[in-house]
Protein backbone atom coordinates (compact mmCIF):
# COMPACT_ATOMS: atom_id res chain seq x y z
CA MET A 1 -19.70 -1.36 -0.17
CA THR A 2 -18.66 -4.87 0.83
CA ALA A 3 -15.58 -5.54 2.97
CA ASP A 4 -14.35 -9.10 3.22
CA SER A 5 -11.31 -11.34 3.06
CA VAL A 6 -10.55 -14.51 1.15
CA SER A 7 -8.15 -17.37 1.74
CA LEU A 8 -6.16 -18.16 -1.40
CA GLY A 9 -4.34 -21.19 0.02
CA ALA A 10 -0.63 -21.89 -0.24
CA PHE A 11 1.27 -19.15 -2.04
CA THR A 12 4.84 -19.12 -3.33
CA PHE A 13 6.42 -15.70 -3.62
CA GLU A 14 8.80 -14.69 -6.38
CA CYS A 15 11.67 -14.90 -3.88
CA GLY A 16 11.04 -18.66 -3.75
CA GLU A 17 9.63 -18.77 -0.21
CA SER A 18 6.08 -19.87 0.58
CA ILE A 19 3.39 -19.47 3.21
CA PRO A 20 0.70 -22.11 3.81
CA ASP A 21 -2.22 -19.73 3.36
CA LEU A 22 -2.42 -16.27 1.79
CA GLU A 23 -5.30 -14.19 3.07
CA ILE A 24 -6.34 -11.11 1.09
CA ALA A 25 -8.52 -8.34 2.53
CA TYR A 26 -10.59 -6.54 -0.08
CA GLU A 27 -13.53 -4.22 -0.62
CA THR A 28 -15.97 -3.97 -3.51
CA TYR A 29 -18.28 -1.14 -4.58
CA GLY A 30 -21.15 -1.23 -7.06
CA GLU A 31 -22.60 -4.18 -8.95
CA PHE A 32 -20.75 -6.44 -11.37
CA THR A 33 -22.45 -6.69 -14.77
CA GLY A 34 -19.82 -8.74 -16.59
CA ASP A 35 -17.70 -6.04 -18.22
CA ASN A 36 -17.59 -3.11 -15.78
CA ALA A 37 -14.96 -4.17 -13.22
CA VAL A 38 -12.30 -1.64 -12.20
CA LEU A 39 -9.36 -2.72 -10.05
CA VAL A 40 -7.85 0.04 -7.90
CA CYS A 41 -4.27 -0.54 -6.69
CA HIS A 42 -3.29 1.31 -3.52
CA ALA A 43 -0.01 3.11 -2.82
CA LEU A 44 2.61 2.09 -0.25
CA THR A 45 0.67 3.00 2.89
CA GLY A 46 -2.85 2.38 1.55
CA SER A 47 -5.41 -0.29 2.30
CA ALA A 48 -8.44 -1.87 0.68
CA HIS A 49 -10.61 0.94 2.10
CA VAL A 50 -10.50 3.16 -0.97
CA ALA A 51 -13.92 4.82 -0.59
CA GLY A 52 -17.00 5.11 1.56
CA GLY A 53 -15.86 7.63 4.17
CA ARG A 54 -14.90 6.52 7.65
CA ARG A 55 -15.56 2.99 8.81
CA ARG A 56 -17.64 2.62 11.93
CA ALA A 57 -15.85 -0.60 12.83
CA ASP A 58 -12.18 -0.25 11.95
CA THR A 59 -11.04 -3.86 11.87
CA ALA A 60 -8.23 -3.41 9.36
CA GLY A 61 -6.36 -0.53 10.94
CA GLN A 62 -7.20 2.22 8.44
CA ALA A 63 -10.53 3.83 9.19
CA HIS A 64 -10.45 6.67 6.66
CA ALA A 65 -11.01 6.03 2.96
CA TRP A 66 -7.89 7.16 1.11
CA TRP A 67 -9.49 8.02 -2.26
CA ASP A 68 -13.02 8.99 -1.30
CA ASP A 69 -12.90 12.07 -3.55
CA ILE A 70 -12.29 9.88 -6.60
CA VAL A 71 -14.30 6.68 -6.07
CA GLY A 72 -18.04 6.71 -5.46
CA PRO A 73 -21.43 7.54 -6.98
CA GLY A 74 -21.09 10.34 -9.52
CA LYS A 75 -17.33 10.63 -9.00
CA ALA A 76 -14.44 10.08 -11.41
CA ILE A 77 -14.62 6.33 -10.87
CA ASP A 78 -18.39 6.09 -10.72
CA THR A 79 -19.62 3.16 -8.65
CA THR A 80 -23.11 3.48 -10.14
CA ASP A 81 -21.60 2.39 -13.45
CA HIS A 82 -18.59 0.34 -12.38
CA TYR A 83 -17.84 -2.55 -10.06
CA VAL A 84 -14.76 -1.39 -8.14
CA VAL A 85 -12.42 -3.82 -6.40
CA CYS A 86 -9.57 -2.80 -4.13
CA ALA A 87 -7.39 -5.38 -2.37
CA ASN A 88 -4.85 -4.85 0.38
CA ALA A 89 -1.48 -5.95 -0.98
CA PRO A 90 0.24 -9.02 0.50
CA GLY A 91 2.92 -7.91 2.94
CA SER A 92 0.90 -4.89 4.03
CA CYS A 93 -0.62 -4.52 7.48
CA TYR A 94 -4.27 -3.76 6.78
CA GLY A 95 -5.87 -7.17 6.74
CA SER A 96 -3.90 -9.19 4.20
CA SER A 97 -1.16 -11.65 5.14
CA GLY A 98 2.04 -9.88 6.14
CA PRO A 99 4.61 -9.50 8.92
CA PRO A 100 1.94 -8.89 11.63
CA SER A 101 0.15 -12.12 10.69
CA THR A 102 0.64 -15.24 12.77
CA ASN A 103 3.18 -17.78 11.56
CA PRO A 104 1.36 -21.10 12.06
CA GLU A 105 4.64 -22.89 12.77
CA THR A 106 5.59 -20.66 15.70
CA GLY A 107 2.32 -19.12 16.84
CA GLU A 108 4.08 -15.74 16.76
CA PRO A 109 3.92 -12.87 14.24
CA TRP A 110 5.98 -13.50 11.11
CA GLY A 111 8.02 -10.31 11.51
CA THR A 112 11.04 -10.31 9.22
CA ALA A 113 10.57 -14.04 8.59
CA PHE A 114 7.70 -13.16 6.25
CA PRO A 115 8.84 -13.68 2.63
CA ALA A 116 10.09 -10.70 0.65
CA VAL A 117 7.23 -9.42 -1.51
CA THR A 118 7.34 -7.97 -5.03
CA VAL A 119 4.87 -6.00 -7.12
CA GLY A 120 4.60 -9.14 -9.23
CA ASP A 121 3.38 -11.02 -6.14
CA TRP A 122 0.71 -8.37 -5.63
CA THR A 123 -0.47 -8.79 -9.21
CA ARG A 124 -0.65 -12.58 -8.95
CA ALA A 125 -2.62 -12.33 -5.71
CA GLN A 126 -5.04 -9.83 -7.27
CA ARG A 127 -5.58 -12.13 -10.24
CA LEU A 128 -6.37 -15.01 -7.86
CA LEU A 129 -8.77 -12.78 -5.91
CA LEU A 130 -10.59 -11.74 -9.09
CA ASP A 131 -10.91 -15.39 -10.03
CA GLU A 132 -12.58 -16.00 -6.65
CA LEU A 133 -14.94 -13.08 -7.32
CA GLY A 134 -15.81 -14.37 -10.80
CA VAL A 135 -14.20 -11.46 -12.65
CA PRO A 136 -12.33 -12.72 -15.74
CA ASN A 137 -11.54 -9.36 -17.35
CA LEU A 138 -11.17 -5.77 -16.24
CA HIS A 139 -12.59 -2.60 -17.74
CA ALA A 140 -9.63 -0.77 -16.19
CA VAL A 141 -6.80 -0.99 -13.67
CA VAL A 142 -6.02 2.25 -11.82
CA GLY A 143 -3.27 3.13 -9.35
CA GLY A 144 -0.84 5.77 -8.17
CA SER A 145 2.74 5.70 -6.91
CA VAL A 146 3.74 2.09 -6.28
CA GLY A 147 0.10 1.29 -7.08
CA GLY A 148 0.86 2.68 -10.54
CA MET A 149 3.74 0.23 -10.80
CA ASN A 150 1.20 -2.45 -9.90
CA VAL A 151 -0.89 -1.27 -12.87
CA LEU A 152 2.11 -1.58 -15.18
CA GLU A 153 2.67 -5.11 -13.91
CA TRP A 154 -0.88 -5.95 -14.96
CA ALA A 155 -0.07 -4.74 -18.47
CA LYS A 156 3.01 -6.95 -18.49
CA ARG A 157 1.45 -10.12 -17.08
CA HIS A 158 -2.18 -9.97 -18.20
CA PRO A 159 -2.45 -7.74 -21.29
CA ASP A 160 -5.46 -9.67 -22.56
CA HIS A 161 -7.34 -9.27 -19.28
CA VAL A 162 -7.34 -5.45 -19.15
CA ASP A 163 -8.99 -2.95 -21.50
CA ARG A 164 -7.55 0.25 -19.99
CA LEU A 165 -4.68 1.30 -17.74
CA LEU A 166 -4.44 4.48 -15.67
CA VAL A 167 -0.96 4.99 -14.20
CA ILE A 168 -0.60 7.98 -11.87
CA ALA A 169 2.72 9.37 -10.59
CA ALA A 170 4.62 6.16 -11.29
CA ALA A 171 7.40 4.84 -13.49
CA ALA A 172 8.37 1.43 -14.79
CA ARG A 173 11.52 1.41 -12.65
CA LEU A 174 13.34 3.43 -10.00
CA ASP A 175 16.49 5.32 -10.88
CA PRO A 176 19.68 5.06 -8.76
CA GLN A 177 18.91 8.27 -6.85
CA CYS A 178 15.51 6.96 -5.74
CA LEU A 179 17.06 3.64 -4.74
CA ALA A 180 19.70 5.48 -2.71
CA LEU A 181 17.08 7.54 -0.87
CA ASP A 182 15.07 4.39 -0.21
CA ALA A 183 18.18 2.78 1.29
CA ILE A 184 18.66 5.76 3.62
CA ALA A 185 14.99 5.64 4.65
CA ARG A 186 15.28 1.92 5.34
CA ARG A 187 18.42 2.58 7.39
CA ALA A 188 16.53 5.16 9.45
CA ILE A 189 14.06 2.46 10.46
CA THR A 190 16.52 -0.35 11.14
CA THR A 191 18.82 1.84 13.28
CA ASP A 192 15.95 2.88 15.56
CA PRO A 193 16.54 0.99 18.86
CA ASP A 194 12.89 -0.06 18.86
CA TRP A 195 13.37 -1.90 15.55
CA GLN A 196 14.59 -4.93 17.56
CA GLY A 197 15.67 -6.77 14.46
CA GLY A 198 12.16 -6.49 13.06
CA ASP A 199 10.60 -8.56 15.85
CA TYR A 200 8.92 -5.74 17.75
CA TYR A 201 5.42 -7.20 17.79
CA GLY A 202 4.43 -7.56 21.43
CA ASP A 203 1.33 -8.47 23.37
CA LEU A 204 -1.92 -6.94 22.17
CA ASP A 205 -3.63 -4.28 24.22
CA THR A 206 -7.36 -4.04 24.87
CA ASP A 207 -7.92 -2.47 21.44
CA GLY A 208 -6.23 -5.35 19.66
CA ARG A 209 -3.14 -3.32 18.77
CA ALA A 210 0.47 -4.17 19.56
CA SER A 211 1.45 -2.77 22.94
CA ASP A 212 5.01 -2.17 21.71
CA GLU A 213 5.08 0.87 19.45
CA GLY A 214 7.99 -0.30 17.34
CA PRO A 215 10.43 1.98 15.48
CA VAL A 216 8.10 4.98 15.23
CA GLU A 217 10.91 7.56 15.29
CA GLY A 218 12.80 5.81 12.51
CA LEU A 219 9.61 5.42 10.51
CA ALA A 220 8.82 9.13 10.91
CA LEU A 221 12.27 10.03 9.58
CA ALA A 222 11.86 7.59 6.71
CA ARG A 223 8.57 9.23 5.76
CA GLN A 224 10.21 12.66 5.77
CA ILE A 225 12.86 11.35 3.38
CA GLY A 226 10.17 9.75 1.26
CA HIS A 227 8.10 12.92 1.09
CA VAL A 228 11.06 14.87 -0.27
CA MET A 229 11.62 12.13 -2.85
CA TYR A 230 7.96 12.11 -3.91
CA LEU A 231 7.83 15.82 -4.72
CA SER A 232 9.19 17.36 -7.91
CA LYS A 233 11.50 20.39 -7.84
CA SER A 234 8.66 22.66 -8.97
CA SER A 235 6.24 21.38 -6.33
CA MET A 236 8.93 21.75 -3.65
CA ALA A 237 9.47 25.35 -4.78
CA ASP A 238 5.73 26.07 -4.73
CA LYS A 239 5.29 24.64 -1.24
CA PHE A 240 8.58 25.51 0.43
CA GLY A 241 9.99 28.28 -1.77
CA ARG A 242 12.91 30.21 -0.34
CA ARG A 243 12.54 33.75 0.96
CA SER A 244 14.93 36.21 2.53
CA ALA A 245 15.87 35.23 6.07
CA GLY A 246 16.40 38.88 7.05
CA MET A 247 19.13 40.60 9.01
CA ASP A 248 18.60 38.50 12.14
CA ALA A 249 19.29 35.17 10.43
CA GLY A 250 22.85 34.98 11.78
CA ARG A 251 21.56 34.75 15.34
CA ASP A 252 20.22 31.25 14.67
CA ALA A 253 22.99 28.81 13.75
CA PHE A 254 20.47 26.41 12.18
CA ARG A 255 18.69 28.94 10.00
CA MET A 256 19.58 29.52 6.35
């Protein structure tokens, strides 16, 4: 496994705004033989650390591999046969340029001044990264959740560069109900007093982390909303199926 980052230079986002230098954190697994490259696209809270267990030196903020059961020697995505690339998406917080990165004009973290990022921006950045790595075409692109939407964007933008697509738990677009729940989750974060308008990055502590925690309560509520949205009705029933509350239920006003 190789963990590294690459500077892609000035980058203009689909919103029309630019940053002077886009840095992408990435990891690779296996050896490239010319036609065996597999790009793995992470979900919303993922990082480039897709496999390889726990990092000894956690420089990107996510020590545990998020798909270690799937990617590796002898596994579903076999790194003895395939050259696997996983990049942290722009706008994320695990090594690639995003709101925690330093704005060279101010010397402070970008915060909400960082340009709005789209899945299309992720795909363009990944294509530039693969160019840097000398990978013209992909054996497959794989991803789940919003990473699956990233896969679909590859099919749209670079159909001649990809032989296979594996889209997991994703759709081509969100329906109005999902958008509404996302809006409520976003509101939960921005109404947390510690949101501070999005500029909650403070001084770094001895571990290199922000000393201000930020809107952790709002984020926790947003994740609860998101988890309900991510599950189907059948999976909700399997995991949280209703049962009789019993004769004493009326003693607790909050119990149903």
